[in-house]
Amino acid sequence: MRAMFKSELAAAAGVSTRTLMRWLKEPYMKQQLAHFHLTSKQQKLPGKLVKIICEHYVIDPN
């Protein structure tokens, strides 16, 4: 899976970037984010994390 900007991923999910950020603050996703050492200001998400998010929330990134 390719790296994506948060705004691209939110658009693929059909939600606002703000809603995507709320999703990423859930306990399971916080645990996953901790492994990648991401900050809330980071705009581009690595491909491995995009895959985890898409599988968890059933998002088609294409």
PDB file of N, CA and C in Angstrom:
ATOM      1  N   MET A   1       0.848  -1.169   0.000  1.00  0.00           N
ATOM      2  CA  MET A   1       0.000   0.000   0.000  1.00  0.00           C
ATOM      3  C   MET A   1       0.894   1.232   0.000  1.00  0.00           C
ATOM      4  N   ARG A   2       0.457   2.268  -0.680  1.00  0.00           N
ATOM      5  CA  ARG A   2       1.260   3.484  -0.788  1.00  0.00           C
ATOM      6  C   ARG A   2       0.968   4.441   0.369  1.00  0.00           C
ATOM      7  N   ALA A   3       1.907   5.317   0.621  1.00  0.00           N
ATOM      8  CA  ALA A   3       1.717   6.346   1.638  1.00  0.00           C
ATOM      9  C   ALA A   3       0.659   7.336   1.153  1.00  0.00           C
ATOM     10  N   MET A   4      -0.112   7.891   2.085  1.00  0.00           N
ATOM     11  CA  MET A   4      -1.184   8.822   1.730  1.00  0.00           C
ATOM     12  C   MET A   4      -1.211   9.979   2.721  1.00  0.00           C
ATOM     13  N   PHE A   5      -1.690  11.102   2.240  1.00  0.00           N
ATOM     14  CA  PHE A   5      -1.947  12.222   3.133  1.00  0.00           C
ATOM     15  C   PHE A   5      -3.232  11.933   3.912  1.00  0.00           C
ATOM     16  N   LYS A   6      -3.336  12.514   5.094  1.00  0.00           N
ATOM     17  CA  LYS A   6      -4.542  12.318   5.906  1.00  0.00           C
ATOM     18  C   LYS A   6      -5.780  12.790   5.161  1.00  0.00           C
ATOM     19  N   SER A   7      -5.659  13.877   4.428  1.00  0.00           N
ATOM     20  CA  SER A   7      -6.810  14.406   3.691  1.00  0.00           C
ATOM     21  C   SER A   7      -7.245  13.447   2.589  1.00  0.00           C
ATOM     22  N   GLU A   8      -6.300  12.774   1.933  1.00  0.00           N
ATOM     23  CA  GLU A   8      -6.639  11.792   0.899  1.00  0.00           C
ATOM     24  C   GLU A   8      -7.367  10.603   1.504  1.00  0.00           C
ATOM     25  N   LEU A   9      -6.879  10.142   2.638  1.00  0.00           N
ATOM     26  CA  LEU A   9      -7.496   9.002   3.302  1.00  0.00           C
ATOM     27  C   LEU A   9      -8.897   9.356   3.790  1.00  0.00           C
ATOM     28  N   ALA A  10      -9.061  10.555   4.319  1.00  0.00           N
ATOM     29  CA  ALA A  10     -10.385  11.004   4.769  1.00  0.00           C
ATOM     30  C   ALA A  10     -11.346  11.083   3.595  1.00  0.00           C
ATOM     31  N   ALA A  11     -10.889  11.585   2.454  1.00  0.00           N
ATOM     32  CA  ALA A  11     -11.739  11.673   1.266  1.00  0.00           C
ATOM     33  C   ALA A  11     -12.141  10.278   0.785  1.00  0.00           C
ATOM     34  N   ALA A  12     -11.214   9.332   0.838  1.00  0.00           N
ATOM     35  CA  ALA A  12     -11.514   7.953   0.432  1.00  0.00           C
ATOM     36  C   ALA A  12     -12.552   7.324   1.360  1.00  0.00           C
ATOM     37  N   ALA A  13     -12.518   7.716   2.639  1.00  0.00           N
ATOM     38  CA  ALA A  13     -13.479   7.193   3.614  1.00  0.00           C
ATOM     39  C   ALA A  13     -14.808   7.934   3.548  1.00  0.00           C
ATOM     40  N   GLY A  14     -14.824   9.090   2.892  1.00  0.00           N
ATOM     41  CA  GLY A  14     -16.051   9.874   2.797  1.00  0.00           C
ATOM     42  C   GLY A  14     -16.358  10.672   4.047  1.00  0.00           C
ATOM     43  N   VAL A  15     -15.303  11.020   4.795  1.00  0.00           N
ATOM     44  CA  VAL A  15     -15.471  11.801   6.023  1.00  0.00           C
ATOM     45  C   VAL A  15     -14.529  12.997   5.979  1.00  0.00           C
ATOM     46  N   SER A  16     -14.694  13.897   6.923  1.00  0.00           N
ATOM     47  CA  SER A  16     -13.798  15.046   7.005  1.00  0.00           C
ATOM     48  C   SER A  16     -12.482  14.623   7.658  1.00  0.00           C
ATOM     49  N   THR A  17     -11.483  15.445   7.485  1.00  0.00           N
ATOM     50  CA  THR A  17     -10.187  15.172   8.103  1.00  0.00           C
ATOM     51  C   THR A  17     -10.316  15.178   9.621  1.00  0.00           C
ATOM     52  N   ARG A  18     -11.167  16.041  10.119  1.00  0.00           N
ATOM     53  CA  ARG A  18     -11.387  16.111  11.571  1.00  0.00           C
ATOM     54  C   ARG A  18     -11.961  14.796  12.109  1.00  0.00           C
ATOM     55  N   THR A  19     -12.899  14.197  11.375  1.00  0.00           N
ATOM     56  CA  THR A  19     -13.474  12.926  11.789  1.00  0.00           C
ATOM     57  C   THR A  19     -12.424  11.820  11.740  1.00  0.00           C
ATOM     58  N   LEU A  20     -11.593  11.823  10.697  1.00  0.00           N
ATOM     59  CA  LEU A  20     -10.508  10.842  10.605  1.00  0.00           C
ATOM     60  C   LEU A  20      -9.584  10.966  11.810  1.00  0.00           C
ATOM     61  N   MET A  21      -9.289  12.175  12.211  1.00  0.00           N
ATOM     62  CA  MET A  21      -8.428  12.381  13.373  1.00  0.00           C
ATOM     63  C   MET A  21      -9.059  11.829  14.646  1.00  0.00           C
ATOM     64  N   ARG A  22     -10.372  11.952  14.765  1.00  0.00           N
ATOM     65  CA  ARG A  22     -11.070  11.371  15.918  1.00  0.00           C
ATOM     66  C   ARG A  22     -10.943   9.852  15.897  1.00  0.00           C
ATOM     67  N   TRP A  23     -11.078   9.270  14.710  1.00  0.00           N
ATOM     68  CA  TRP A  23     -10.936   7.813  14.577  1.00  0.00           C
ATOM     69  C   TRP A  23      -9.544   7.362  15.013  1.00  0.00           C
ATOM     70  N   LEU A  24      -8.542   8.146  14.671  1.00  0.00           N
ATOM     71  CA  LEU A  24      -7.168   7.778  14.998  1.00  0.00           C
ATOM     72  C   LEU A  24      -6.863   7.918  16.483  1.00  0.00           C
ATOM     73  N   LYS A  25      -7.735   8.573  17.221  1.00  0.00           N
ATOM     74  CA  LYS A  25      -7.546   8.731  18.667  1.00  0.00           C
ATOM     75  C   LYS A  25      -8.191   7.603  19.467  1.00  0.00           C
ATOM     76  N   GLU A  26      -8.882   6.675  18.807  1.00  0.00           N
ATOM     77  CA  GLU A  26      -9.471   5.532  19.503  1.00  0.00           C
ATOM     78  C   GLU A  26      -8.348   4.651  20.052  1.00  0.00           C
ATOM     79  N   PRO A  27      -8.596   3.921  21.146  1.00  0.00           N
ATOM     80  CA  PRO A  27      -7.523   3.141  21.796  1.00  0.00           C
ATOM     81  C   PRO A  27      -6.756   2.198  20.863  1.00  0.00           C
ATOM     82  N   TYR A  28      -7.456   1.453  20.010  1.00  0.00           N
ATOM     83  CA  TYR A  28      -6.771   0.516  19.116  1.00  0.00           C
ATOM     84  C   TYR A  28      -5.845   1.269  18.163  1.00  0.00           C
ATOM     85  N   MET A  29      -6.351   2.349  17.591  1.00  0.00           N
ATOM     86  CA  MET A  29      -5.549   3.094  16.623  1.00  0.00           C
ATOM     87  C   MET A  29      -4.399   3.826  17.314  1.00  0.00           C
ATOM     88  N   LYS A  30      -4.607   4.301  18.527  1.00  0.00           N
ATOM     89  CA  LYS A  30      -3.525   4.950  19.278  1.00  0.00           C
ATOM     90  C   LYS A  30      -2.384   3.970  19.493  1.00  0.00           C
ATOM     91  N   GLN A  31      -2.738   2.726  19.774  1.00  0.00           N
ATOM     92  CA  GLN A  31      -1.735   1.682  19.972  1.00  0.00           C
ATOM     93  C   GLN A  31      -0.951   1.460  18.678  1.00  0.00           C
ATOM     94  N   GLN A  32      -1.636   1.432  17.550  1.00  0.00           N
ATOM     95  CA  GLN A  32      -0.973   1.240  16.265  1.00  0.00           C
ATOM     96  C   GLN A  32      -0.095   2.436  15.917  1.00  0.00           C
ATOM     97  N   LEU A  33      -0.570   3.640  16.199  1.00  0.00           N
ATOM     98  CA  LEU A  33       0.195   4.846  15.917  1.00  0.00           C
ATOM     99  C   LEU A  33       1.478   4.897  16.742  1.00  0.00           C
ATOM    100  N   ALA A  34       1.418   4.370  17.962  1.00  0.00           N
ATOM    101  CA  ALA A  34       2.585   4.391  18.840  1.00  0.00           C
ATOM    102  C   ALA A  34       3.753   3.636  18.221  1.00  0.00           C
ATOM    103  N   HIS A  35       3.460   2.577  17.490  1.00  0.00           N
ATOM    104  CA  HIS A  35       4.522   1.791  16.856  1.00  0.00           C
ATOM    105  C   HIS A  35       5.217   2.569  15.748  1.00  0.00           C
ATOM    106  N   PHE A  36       4.521   3.537  15.151  1.00  0.00           N
ATOM    107  CA  PHE A  36       5.073   4.312  14.042  1.00  0.00           C
ATOM    108  C   PHE A  36       5.634   5.655  14.485  1.00  0.00           C
ATOM    109  N   HIS A  37       5.494   5.987  15.772  1.00  0.00           N
ATOM    110  CA  HIS A  37       6.000   7.241  16.333  1.00  0.00           C
ATOM    111  C   HIS A  37       5.505   8.456  15.545  1.00  0.00           C
ATOM    112  N   LEU A  38       4.211   8.476  15.254  1.00  0.00           N
ATOM    113  CA  LEU A  38       3.620   9.589  14.518  1.00  0.00           C
ATOM    114  C   LEU A  38       3.162  10.684  15.463  1.00  0.00           C
ATOM    115  N   THR A  39       3.142  11.887  14.942  1.00  0.00           N
ATOM    116  CA  THR A  39       2.617  13.014  15.698  1.00  0.00           C
ATOM    117  C   THR A  39       1.308  13.447  15.051  1.00  0.00           C
ATOM    118  N   SER A  40       0.527  14.229  15.758  1.00  0.00           N
ATOM    119  CA  SER A  40      -0.751  14.687  15.210  1.00  0.00           C
ATOM    120  C   SER A  40      -0.546  15.680  14.074  1.00  0.00           C
ATOM    121  N   LYS A  41       0.615  16.311  14.011  1.00  0.00           N
ATOM    122  CA  LYS A  41       0.878  17.291  12.964  1.00  0.00           C
ATOM    123  C   LYS A  41       1.418  16.673  11.678  1.00  0.00           C
ATOM    124  N   GLN A  42       1.806  15.427  11.754  1.00  0.00           N
ATOM    125  CA  GLN A  42       2.329  14.755  10.564  1.00  0.00           C
ATOM    126  C   GLN A  42       1.200  14.544   9.569  1.00  0.00           C
ATOM    127  N   GLN A  43       1.408  14.979   8.337  1.00  0.00           N
ATOM    128  CA  GLN A  43       0.347  14.930   7.331  1.00  0.00           C
ATOM    129  C   GLN A  43       0.357  13.652   6.500  1.00  0.00           C
ATOM    130  N   LYS A  44       1.535  13.119   6.224  1.00  0.00           N
ATOM    131  CA  LYS A  44       1.632  11.936   5.372  1.00  0.00           C
ATOM    132  C   LYS A  44       1.764  10.694   6.236  1.00  0.00           C
ATOM    133  N   LEU A  45       0.906   9.707   5.968  1.00  0.00           N
ATOM    134  CA  LEU A  45       0.910   8.459   6.713  1.00  0.00           C
ATOM    135  C   LEU A  45       1.653   7.397   5.914  1.00  0.00           C
ATOM    136  N   PRO A  46       2.508   6.599   6.577  1.00  0.00           N
ATOM    137  CA  PRO A  46       3.227   5.544   5.876  1.00  0.00           C
ATOM    138  C   PRO A  46       2.271   4.464   5.352  1.00  0.00           C
ATOM    139  N   GLY A  47       2.697   3.783   4.305  1.00  0.00           N
ATOM    140  CA  GLY A  47       1.861   2.775   3.659  1.00  0.00           C
ATOM    141  C   GLY A  47       1.375   1.673   4.589  1.00  0.00           C
ATOM    142  N   LYS A  48       2.234   1.215   5.496  1.00  0.00           N
ATOM    143  CA  LYS A  48       1.839   0.147   6.424  1.00  0.00           C
ATOM    144  C   LYS A  48       0.696   0.613   7.324  1.00  0.00           C
ATOM    145  N   LEU A  49       0.767   1.866   7.775  1.00  0.00           N
ATOM    146  CA  LEU A  49      -0.284   2.404   8.637  1.00  0.00           C
ATOM    147  C   LEU A  49      -1.575   2.627   7.849  1.00  0.00           C
ATOM    148  N   VAL A  50      -1.455   3.072   6.608  1.00  0.00           N
ATOM    149  CA  VAL A  50      -2.634   3.248   5.756  1.00  0.00           C
ATOM    150  C   VAL A  50      -3.345   1.910   5.593  1.00  0.00           C
ATOM    151  N   LYS A  51      -2.586   0.844   5.420  1.00  0.00           N
ATOM    152  CA  LYS A  51      -3.167  -0.492   5.274  1.00  0.00           C
ATOM    153  C   LYS A  51      -3.935  -0.893   6.535  1.00  0.00           C
ATOM    154  N   ILE A  52      -3.343  -0.645   7.706  1.00  0.00           N
ATOM    155  CA  ILE A  52      -3.998  -0.978   8.978  1.00  0.00           C
ATOM    156  C   ILE A  52      -5.295  -0.192   9.134  1.00  0.00           C
ATOM    157  N   ILE A  53      -5.261   1.097   8.829  1.00  0.00           N
ATOM    158  CA  ILE A  53      -6.449   1.948   8.955  1.00  0.00           C
ATOM    159  C   ILE A  53      -7.532   1.493   7.985  1.00  0.00           C
ATOM    160  N   CYS A  54      -7.149   1.220   6.746  1.00  0.00           N
ATOM    161  CA  CYS A  54      -8.125   0.802   5.727  1.00  0.00           C
ATOM    162  C   CYS A  54      -8.773  -0.533   6.084  1.00  0.00           C
ATOM    163  N   GLU A  55      -7.993  -1.463   6.613  1.00  0.00           N
ATOM    164  CA  GLU A  55      -8.552  -2.753   7.010  1.00  0.00           C
ATOM    165  C   GLU A  55      -9.469  -2.604   8.216  1.00  0.00           C
ATOM    166  N   HIS A  56      -9.076  -1.770   9.177  1.00  0.00           N
ATOM    167  CA  HIS A  56      -9.870  -1.607  10.398  1.00  0.00           C
ATOM    168  C   HIS A  56     -11.203  -0.911  10.123  1.00  0.00           C
ATOM    169  N   TYR A  57     -11.178   0.115   9.284  1.00  0.00           N
ATOM    170  CA  TYR A  57     -12.394   0.889   9.015  1.00  0.00           C
ATOM    171  C   TYR A  57     -13.049   0.551   7.668  1.00  0.00           C
ATOM    172  N   VAL A  58     -12.546  -0.482   7.003  1.00  0.00           N
ATOM    173  CA  VAL A  58     -13.077  -0.958   5.717  1.00  0.00           C
ATOM    174  C   VAL A  58     -13.185   0.211   4.718  1.00  0.00           C
ATOM    175  N   ILE A  59     -12.030   0.753   4.389  1.00  0.00           N
ATOM    176  CA  ILE A  59     -11.930   1.868   3.452  1.00  0.00           C
ATOM    177  C   ILE A  59     -11.239   1.370   2.190  1.00  0.00           C
ATOM    178  N   ASP A  60     -11.793   1.725   1.045  1.00  0.00           N
ATOM    179  CA  ASP A  60     -11.153   1.418  -0.235  1.00  0.00           C
ATOM    180  C   ASP A  60     -10.343   2.646  -0.635  1.00  0.00           C
ATOM    181  N   PRO A  61      -9.013   2.582  -0.553  1.00  0.00           N
ATOM    182  CA  PRO A  61      -8.190   3.765  -0.804  1.00  0.00           C
ATOM    183  C   PRO A  61      -8.088   4.149  -2.277  1.00  0.00           C
ATOM    184  N   ASN A  62      -8.620   3.353  -3.157  1.00  0.00           N
ATOM    185  CA  ASN A  62      -8.513   3.657  -4.595  1.00  0.00           C
ATOM    186  C   ASN A  62      -9.592   4.533  -5.015  1.00  0.00           C
TER     187      ASN A  62
END
